[in-house]
Amino acid sequence: MIPRTSIDEANRHLQQLHQRVHDLEITVQDQHETLLTKDKLFQNRISEISVAKDKEIEGLVNKLLASERTVSVLQEELERKNHQILALQHSHSKLRRLLNFKDDVKDLLKTMEDAEENLALDEGDTDGLLSFYQRSNDVSLNLSGKKLRKKRFIRSESHPAVENITSDIEAAPTLGGKEFYL
């Protein structure tokens, strides 16, 4: 048989082993609870981070949409400004062309003033250009009281002053086919 001391020693050993297993089970249980608590904390933290990320993404999407609207408005404004620039450039080129005629118009006015002076000098000529000039003034004043623009033109008659004027006009540079109304 087995000596009693061996049995007691085996019992003490089993009891220590049982105590050790129990302590380990408690430790495992504590660690399990700690892990569950940490897992819940991490889940909460991940959830908070996810919500914060979603809010940030939503804010960035709103900013992006606002920026796209701003870009669209700016592009429309740019297009409108480009059309204005084109219109201004077109107007500028027309004005430039008109200003190129400035000297020609001055020459034309000078020629017309000279013609009027020549008419004033020929006061005694009632059958010629002076009488025609006076008749055209009288007709324009008597037309039913309306203010009309009168197209002045020069008839070539057999008068030397008229021939000089018409030759001056023919020698003047053309003004692009435009007629002048006074």
C-alpha atoms as a PDB file:
ATOM      1  CA  MET A   1       0.000   0.000   0.000  1.00  0.00           C
ATOM      2  CA  ILE A   2       0.797   3.612  -0.268  1.00  0.00           C
ATOM      3  CA  PRO A   3       2.123   5.341   2.763  1.00  0.00           C
ATOM      4  CA  ARG A   4      -0.068   7.935   4.367  1.00  0.00           C
ATOM      5  CA  THR A   5       2.489  10.667   3.990  1.00  0.00           C
ATOM      6  CA  SER A   6       2.510  10.119   0.279  1.00  0.00           C
ATOM      7  CA  ILE A   7      -1.284  10.379   0.181  1.00  0.00           C
ATOM      8  CA  ASP A   8      -1.226  13.578   2.276  1.00  0.00           C
ATOM      9  CA  GLU A   9       1.488  14.959   0.115  1.00  0.00           C
ATOM     10  CA  ALA A  10      -0.486  14.087  -3.037  1.00  0.00           C
ATOM     11  CA  ASN A  11      -3.615  15.679  -1.525  1.00  0.00           C
ATOM     12  CA  ARG A  12      -1.698  18.851  -0.687  1.00  0.00           C
ATOM     13  CA  HIS A  13      -0.292  18.829  -4.177  1.00  0.00           C
ATOM     14  CA  LEU A  14      -3.790  18.373  -5.678  1.00  0.00           C
ATOM     15  CA  GLN A  15      -5.151  21.052  -3.414  1.00  0.00           C
ATOM     16  CA  GLN A  16      -2.386  23.458  -4.498  1.00  0.00           C
ATOM     17  CA  LEU A  17      -3.022  22.496  -8.079  1.00  0.00           C
ATOM     18  CA  HIS A  18      -6.728  23.031  -7.625  1.00  0.00           C
ATOM     19  CA  GLN A  19      -6.024  26.412  -5.954  1.00  0.00           C
ATOM     20  CA  ARG A  20      -3.691  27.326  -8.789  1.00  0.00           C
ATOM     21  CA  VAL A  21      -6.307  26.391 -11.415  1.00  0.00           C
ATOM     22  CA  HIS A  22      -8.900  28.398  -9.513  1.00  0.00           C
ATOM     23  CA  ASP A  23      -6.531  31.415  -9.347  1.00  0.00           C
ATOM     24  CA  LEU A  24      -5.831  31.048 -13.048  1.00  0.00           C
ATOM     25  CA  GLU A  25      -9.552  30.849 -13.812  1.00  0.00           C
ATOM     26  CA  ILE A  26     -10.109  34.050 -11.790  1.00  0.00           C
ATOM     27  CA  THR A  27      -7.202  35.700 -13.607  1.00  0.00           C
ATOM     28  CA  VAL A  28      -8.594  34.574 -16.979  1.00  0.00           C
ATOM     29  CA  GLN A  29     -12.036  35.833 -15.957  1.00  0.00           C
ATOM     30  CA  ASP A  30     -10.571  39.197 -14.886  1.00  0.00           C
ATOM     31  CA  GLN A  31      -8.584  39.449 -18.097  1.00  0.00           C
ATOM     32  CA  HIS A  32     -11.685  38.510 -20.097  1.00  0.00           C
ATOM     33  CA  GLU A  33     -13.692  41.249 -18.382  1.00  0.00           C
ATOM     34  CA  THR A  34     -10.846  43.710 -18.884  1.00  0.00           C
ATOM     35  CA  LEU A  35     -10.671  42.778 -22.567  1.00  0.00           C
ATOM     36  CA  LEU A  36     -14.435  43.200 -22.914  1.00  0.00           C
ATOM     37  CA  THR A  37     -14.244  46.597 -21.248  1.00  0.00           C
ATOM     38  CA  LYS A  38     -11.343  47.646 -23.462  1.00  0.00           C
ATOM     39  CA  ASP A  39     -13.186  46.271 -26.490  1.00  0.00           C
ATOM     40  CA  LYS A  40     -16.257  48.370 -25.599  1.00  0.00           C
ATOM     41  CA  LEU A  41     -14.017  51.441 -25.115  1.00  0.00           C
ATOM     42  CA  PHE A  42     -12.361  50.825 -28.453  1.00  0.00           C
ATOM     43  CA  GLN A  43     -15.743  50.285 -30.144  1.00  0.00           C
ATOM     44  CA  ASN A  44     -17.015  53.545 -28.649  1.00  0.00           C
ATOM     45  CA  ARG A  45     -13.859  55.351 -29.701  1.00  0.00           C
ATOM     46  CA  ILE A  46     -14.068  53.880 -33.220  1.00  0.00           C
ATOM     47  CA  SER A  47     -17.733  54.918 -33.373  1.00  0.00           C
ATOM     48  CA  GLU A  48     -16.853  58.458 -32.263  1.00  0.00           C
ATOM     49  CA  ILE A  49     -14.033  58.643 -34.814  1.00  0.00           C
ATOM     50  CA  SER A  50     -16.366  57.307 -37.512  1.00  0.00           C
ATOM     51  CA  VAL A  51     -19.036  59.909 -36.669  1.00  0.00           C
ATOM     52  CA  ALA A  52     -16.405  62.672 -36.625  1.00  0.00           C
ATOM     53  CA  LYS A  53     -15.044  61.427 -39.961  1.00  0.00           C
ATOM     54  CA  ASP A  54     -18.544  61.347 -41.463  1.00  0.00           C
ATOM     55  CA  LYS A  55     -19.224  64.889 -40.220  1.00  0.00           C
ATOM     56  CA  GLU A  56     -15.916  66.072 -41.637  1.00  0.00           C
ATOM     57  CA  ILE A  57     -16.662  64.376 -44.962  1.00  0.00           C
ATOM     58  CA  GLU A  58     -20.117  65.981 -45.006  1.00  0.00           C
ATOM     59  CA  GLY A  59     -18.564  69.380 -44.283  1.00  0.00           C
ATOM     60  CA  LEU A  60     -16.007  68.872 -47.047  1.00  0.00           C
ATOM     61  CA  VAL A  61     -18.740  67.787 -49.480  1.00  0.00           C
ATOM     62  CA  ASN A  62     -20.716  70.934 -48.612  1.00  0.00           C
ATOM     63  CA  LYS A  63     -17.592  73.044 -49.126  1.00  0.00           C
ATOM     64  CA  LEU A  64     -16.965  71.286 -52.433  1.00  0.00           C
ATOM     65  CA  LEU A  65     -20.530  71.969 -53.587  1.00  0.00           C
ATOM     66  CA  ALA A  66     -20.260  75.605 -52.502  1.00  0.00           C
ATOM     67  CA  SER A  67     -16.923  75.882 -54.308  1.00  0.00           C
ATOM     68  CA  GLU A  68     -18.401  74.340 -57.441  1.00  0.00           C
ATOM     69  CA  ARG A  69     -21.291  76.829 -57.324  1.00  0.00           C
ATOM     70  CA  THR A  70     -18.812  79.658 -56.828  1.00  0.00           C
ATOM     71  CA  VAL A  71     -16.720  78.387 -59.739  1.00  0.00           C
ATOM     72  CA  SER A  72     -19.852  78.169 -61.879  1.00  0.00           C
ATOM     73  CA  VAL A  73     -20.856  81.733 -60.976  1.00  0.00           C
ATOM     74  CA  LEU A  74     -17.310  82.949 -61.631  1.00  0.00           C
ATOM     75  CA  GLN A  75     -17.227  81.151 -64.973  1.00  0.00           C
ATOM     76  CA  GLU A  76     -20.515  82.789 -65.964  1.00  0.00           C
ATOM     77  CA  GLU A  77     -19.152  86.150 -64.832  1.00  0.00           C
ATOM     78  CA  LEU A  78     -15.960  85.509 -66.794  1.00  0.00           C
ATOM     79  CA  GLU A  79     -17.993  84.623 -69.879  1.00  0.00           C
ATOM     80  CA  ARG A  80     -20.065  87.807 -69.457  1.00  0.00           C
ATOM     81  CA  LYS A  81     -16.897  89.876 -69.018  1.00  0.00           C
ATOM     82  CA  ASN A  82     -15.372  88.247 -72.115  1.00  0.00           C
ATOM     83  CA  HIS A  83     -18.480  89.205 -74.110  1.00  0.00           C
ATOM     84  CA  GLN A  84     -18.201  92.744 -72.760  1.00  0.00           C
ATOM     85  CA  ILE A  85     -14.527  92.835 -73.721  1.00  0.00           C
ATOM     86  CA  LEU A  86     -15.365  91.630 -77.224  1.00  0.00           C
ATOM     87  CA  ALA A  87     -18.115  94.254 -77.524  1.00  0.00           C
ATOM     88  CA  LEU A  88     -15.754  96.951 -76.257  1.00  0.00           C
ATOM     89  CA  GLN A  89     -13.036  95.821 -78.645  1.00  0.00           C
ATOM     90  CA  HIS A  90     -15.542  95.943 -81.497  1.00  0.00           C
ATOM     91  CA  SER A  91     -16.680  99.425 -80.428  1.00  0.00           C
ATOM     92  CA  HIS A  92     -13.053 100.461 -80.079  1.00  0.00           C
ATOM     93  CA  SER A  93     -12.258  99.312 -83.601  1.00  0.00           C
ATOM     94  CA  LYS A  94     -15.299 101.196 -84.945  1.00  0.00           C
ATOM     95  CA  LEU A  95     -14.249 104.320 -83.068  1.00  0.00           C
ATOM     96  CA  ARG A  96     -10.700 103.926 -84.403  1.00  0.00           C
ATOM     97  CA  ARG A  97     -12.030 103.704 -87.938  1.00  0.00           C
ATOM     98  CA  LEU A  98     -14.195 106.773 -87.356  1.00  0.00           C
ATOM     99  CA  LEU A  99     -11.225 108.664 -85.973  1.00  0.00           C
ATOM    100  CA  ASN A 100      -9.302 107.752 -89.103  1.00  0.00           C
ATOM    101  CA  PHE A 101     -11.920 109.774 -91.009  1.00  0.00           C
ATOM    102  CA  LYS A 102     -11.462 112.811 -88.747  1.00  0.00           C
ATOM    103  CA  ASP A 103      -9.010 114.554 -91.049  1.00  0.00           C
ATOM    104  CA  ASP A 104     -11.156 113.724 -94.076  1.00  0.00           C
ATOM    105  CA  VAL A 105     -14.208 115.195 -92.359  1.00  0.00           C
ATOM    106  CA  LYS A 106     -12.219 118.321 -91.461  1.00  0.00           C
ATOM    107  CA  ASP A 107     -11.163 118.627 -95.085  1.00  0.00           C
ATOM    108  CA  LEU A 108     -14.757 118.137 -96.204  1.00  0.00           C
ATOM    109  CA  LEU A 109     -15.981 120.813 -93.780  1.00  0.00           C
ATOM    110  CA  LYS A 110     -13.248 123.190 -94.932  1.00  0.00           C
ATOM    111  CA  THR A 111     -14.234 122.560 -98.540  1.00  0.00           C
ATOM    112  CA  MET A 112     -17.878 123.219 -97.674  1.00  0.00           C
ATOM    113  CA  GLU A 113     -16.960 126.446 -95.866  1.00  0.00           C
ATOM    114  CA  ASP A 114     -14.940 127.531 -98.886  1.00  0.00           C
ATOM    115  CA  ALA A 115     -17.921 126.739-101.098  1.00  0.00           C
ATOM    116  CA  GLU A 116     -20.179 128.865 -98.885  1.00  0.00           C
ATOM    117  CA  GLU A 117     -17.674 131.704 -99.027  1.00  0.00           C
ATOM    118  CA  ASN A 118     -17.571 131.387-102.808  1.00  0.00           C
ATOM    119  CA  LEU A 119     -21.360 131.503-102.855  1.00  0.00           C
ATOM    120  CA  ALA A 120     -21.329 134.623-100.705  1.00  0.00           C
ATOM    121  CA  LEU A 121     -18.913 136.248-103.135  1.00  0.00           C
ATOM    122  CA  ASP A 122     -21.172 135.425-106.064  1.00  0.00           C
ATOM    123  CA  GLU A 123     -24.173 137.348-104.653  1.00  0.00           C
ATOM    124  CA  GLY A 124     -25.102 138.744-107.995  1.00  0.00           C
ATOM    125  CA  ASP A 125     -25.465 135.279-109.555  1.00  0.00           C
ATOM    126  CA  THR A 126     -29.232 134.721-109.237  1.00  0.00           C
ATOM    127  CA  ASP A 127     -29.444 132.056-111.928  1.00  0.00           C
ATOM    128  CA  GLY A 128     -26.554 129.947-110.678  1.00  0.00           C
ATOM    129  CA  LEU A 129     -25.612 128.065-107.562  1.00  0.00           C
ATOM    130  CA  LEU A 130     -26.572 130.848-105.137  1.00  0.00           C
ATOM    131  CA  SER A 131     -30.187 130.853-106.222  1.00  0.00           C
ATOM    132  CA  PHE A 132     -30.283 127.062-106.024  1.00  0.00           C
ATOM    133  CA  TYR A 133     -28.786 127.187-102.536  1.00  0.00           C
ATOM    134  CA  GLN A 134     -31.339 129.782-101.395  1.00  0.00           C
ATOM    135  CA  ARG A 135     -34.241 127.869-102.929  1.00  0.00           C
ATOM    136  CA  SER A 136     -33.193 124.661-101.153  1.00  0.00           C
ATOM    137  CA  ASN A 137     -33.050 126.589 -97.840  1.00  0.00           C
ATOM    138  CA  ASP A 138     -36.506 128.097 -98.464  1.00  0.00           C
ATOM    139  CA  VAL A 139     -37.996 124.713 -99.364  1.00  0.00           C
ATOM    140  CA  SER A 140     -36.615 123.076 -96.251  1.00  0.00           C
ATOM    141  CA  LEU A 141     -38.005 125.865 -94.028  1.00  0.00           C
ATOM    142  CA  ASN A 142     -41.474 125.817 -95.619  1.00  0.00           C
ATOM    143  CA  LEU A 143     -42.076 122.054 -95.358  1.00  0.00           C
ATOM    144  CA  SER A 144     -45.034 121.915 -92.903  1.00  0.00           C
ATOM    145  CA  GLY A 145     -43.012 123.304 -89.989  1.00  0.00           C
ATOM    146  CA  LYS A 146     -41.122 120.046 -89.475  1.00  0.00           C
ATOM    147  CA  LYS A 147     -37.454 120.057 -88.748  1.00  0.00           C
ATOM    148  CA  LEU A 148     -35.937 117.925 -91.469  1.00  0.00           C
ATOM    149  CA  ARG A 149     -32.420 116.873 -92.157  1.00  0.00           C
ATOM    150  CA  LYS A 150     -31.535 118.145 -95.518  1.00  0.00           C
ATOM    151  CA  LYS A 151     -29.134 116.378 -97.784  1.00  0.00           C
ATOM    152  CA  ARG A 152     -26.925 118.930 -99.365  1.00  0.00           C
ATOM    153  CA  PHE A 153     -25.596 118.051-102.698  1.00  0.00           C
ATOM    154  CA  ILE A 154     -23.879 119.910-105.455  1.00  0.00           C
ATOM    155  CA  ARG A 155     -25.243 119.967-108.950  1.00  0.00           C
ATOM    156  CA  SER A 156     -22.725 120.261-111.616  1.00  0.00           C
ATOM    157  CA  GLU A 157     -23.830 123.156-113.703  1.00  0.00           C
ATOM    158  CA  SER A 158     -21.903 125.171-116.181  1.00  0.00           C
ATOM    159  CA  HIS A 159     -20.599 127.501-113.492  1.00  0.00           C
ATOM    160  CA  PRO A 160     -16.807 127.665-112.996  1.00  0.00           C
ATOM    161  CA  ALA A 161     -17.035 127.837-109.191  1.00  0.00           C
ATOM    162  CA  VAL A 162     -19.171 124.701-109.159  1.00  0.00           C
ATOM    163  CA  GLU A 163     -16.746 122.873-111.395  1.00  0.00           C
ATOM    164  CA  ASN A 164     -13.895 123.790-109.030  1.00  0.00           C
ATOM    165  CA  ILE A 165     -15.861 122.521-106.026  1.00  0.00           C
ATOM    166  CA  THR A 166     -16.882 119.277-107.693  1.00  0.00           C
ATOM    167  CA  SER A 167     -13.339 118.666-108.826  1.00  0.00           C
ATOM    168  CA  ASP A 168     -12.157 119.237-105.221  1.00  0.00           C
ATOM    169  CA  ILE A 169     -14.746 116.808-103.931  1.00  0.00           C
ATOM    170  CA  GLU A 170     -13.865 114.204-106.500  1.00  0.00           C
ATOM    171  CA  ALA A 171     -10.211 114.577-105.561  1.00  0.00           C
ATOM    172  CA  ALA A 172     -11.008 114.090-101.831  1.00  0.00           C
ATOM    173  CA  PRO A 173     -10.531 110.554-100.552  1.00  0.00           C
ATOM    174  CA  THR A 174     -13.624 108.431-100.358  1.00  0.00           C
ATOM    175  CA  LEU A 175     -15.228 108.055 -96.958  1.00  0.00           C
ATOM    176  CA  GLY A 176     -16.276 104.477 -97.293  1.00  0.00           C
ATOM    177  CA  GLY A 177     -19.399 105.220 -99.351  1.00  0.00           C
ATOM    178  CA  LYS A 178     -21.006 107.231 -96.511  1.00  0.00           C
ATOM    179  CA  GLU A 179     -23.172 110.247 -97.235  1.00  0.00           C
ATOM    180  CA  PHE A 180     -23.045 113.248 -94.987  1.00  0.00           C
ATOM    181  CA  TYR A 181     -26.197 114.954 -93.833  1.00  0.00           C
ATOM    182  CA  LEU A 182     -26.089 118.460 -92.417  1.00  0.00           C
END
